[in-house]
Protein backbone atom coordinates (compact mmCIF):
# COMPACT_ATOMS: atom_id res chain seq x y z
CA UNK A 1 0.00 0.00 0.00
CA UNK A 2 2.82 2.39 0.87
CA UNK A 3 4.44 1.69 -2.49
CA UNK A 4 1.29 2.64 -4.37
CA UNK A 5 1.00 5.91 -2.42
CA UNK A 6 4.66 6.75 -3.12
CA UNK A 7 4.25 6.02 -6.82
CA UNK A 8 1.11 8.16 -6.98
CA UNK A 9 2.90 11.01 -5.19
CA UNK A 10 5.88 10.83 -7.55
CA UNK A 11 3.63 10.84 -10.60
CA UNK A 12 1.73 13.84 -9.27
CA UNK A 13 4.98 15.77 -8.76
CA UNK A 14 6.40 14.82 -12.14
CA UNK A 15 3.27 15.63 -14.13
CA UNK A 16 2.50 18.88 -12.34
CA UNK A 17 0.74 21.67 -14.16
CA UNK A 18 3.03 23.32 -16.66
CA UNK A 19 2.06 26.64 -18.16
CA UNK A 20 3.26 28.03 -21.45
CA UNK A 21 5.15 31.29 -21.46
CA UNK A 22 3.32 34.40 -22.53
CA UNK A 23 4.17 35.73 -25.97
CA UNK A 24 3.92 39.31 -27.19
CA UNK A 25 2.42 39.62 -30.66
CA UNK A 26 3.88 42.42 -32.70
CA UNK A 27 1.61 44.65 -34.82
CA UNK A 28 0.25 43.15 -38.05
CA UNK A 29 2.28 45.67 -40.07
CA UNK A 30 5.57 44.18 -38.78
CA UNK A 31 7.64 42.43 -41.46
CA UNK A 32 11.01 40.73 -41.54
CA UNK A 33 12.42 43.60 -43.67
CA UNK A 34 11.18 46.15 -41.12
CA UNK A 35 12.91 44.29 -38.28
CA UNK A 36 16.17 44.01 -40.26
CA UNK A 37 16.05 47.76 -40.89
CA UNK A 38 15.60 48.28 -37.12
CA UNK A 39 18.82 46.40 -36.37
CA UNK A 40 17.70 42.79 -36.05
CA UNK A 41 19.84 40.03 -37.60
CA UNK A 42 18.35 36.89 -39.11
CA UNK A 43 19.88 33.95 -37.25
CA UNK A 44 17.70 31.11 -38.48
CA UNK A 45 15.38 30.34 -41.38
CA UNK A 46 13.36 27.15 -41.62
CA UNK A 47 10.63 26.22 -44.00
CA UNK A 48 7.99 23.70 -44.82
CA UNK A 49 5.48 23.32 -47.62
CA UNK A 50 3.19 26.01 -46.22
CA UNK A 51 5.29 28.24 -43.97
CA UNK A 52 8.69 29.89 -43.54
CA UNK A 53 9.86 30.75 -40.03
CA UNK A 54 12.47 33.46 -39.42
CA UNK A 55 14.22 33.91 -36.09
CA UNK A 56 15.81 37.32 -35.55
CA UNK A 57 17.95 38.76 -32.73
CA UNK A 58 18.97 42.36 -32.07
CA UNK A 59 22.03 43.74 -30.26
CA UNK A 60 20.15 43.59 -26.90
CA UNK A 61 19.61 39.83 -27.41
CA UNK A 62 15.86 40.29 -27.89
CA UNK A 63 14.47 37.43 -29.96
CA UNK A 64 11.64 37.80 -32.48
CA UNK A 65 10.10 34.99 -34.51
CA UNK A 66 8.19 35.69 -37.72
CA UNK A 67 6.10 33.15 -39.59
CA UNK A 68 5.25 33.76 -43.23
CA UNK A 69 2.43 31.59 -44.52
CA UNK A 70 1.79 30.45 -48.07
CA UNK A 71 -0.74 33.30 -48.37
CA UNK A 72 2.10 35.78 -47.56
CA UNK A 73 0.51 36.61 -44.19
CA UNK A 74 3.23 37.58 -41.68
CA UNK A 75 2.88 36.92 -37.94
CA UNK A 76 5.70 38.14 -35.70
CA UNK A 77 5.96 37.67 -31.95
CA UNK A 78 8.42 37.88 -29.07
CA UNK A 79 8.66 34.74 -26.95
């Protein structure tokens, strides 16, 4: 019986509630070119069939991620 209680306690601690970090969405007018002009450097580009993801960093080490969909809609946010 004690073993079952210990296992249940360990599982409860391991699978505790985890919350996602808040992200700050940048205005809809924000583009990758605009961020590069403001001093951000592109550090990573990855793509799939329907989306390209850009990761940019400025001199203050602020990170911005921009996703460009196949419909050319741009969504940028700060993690």
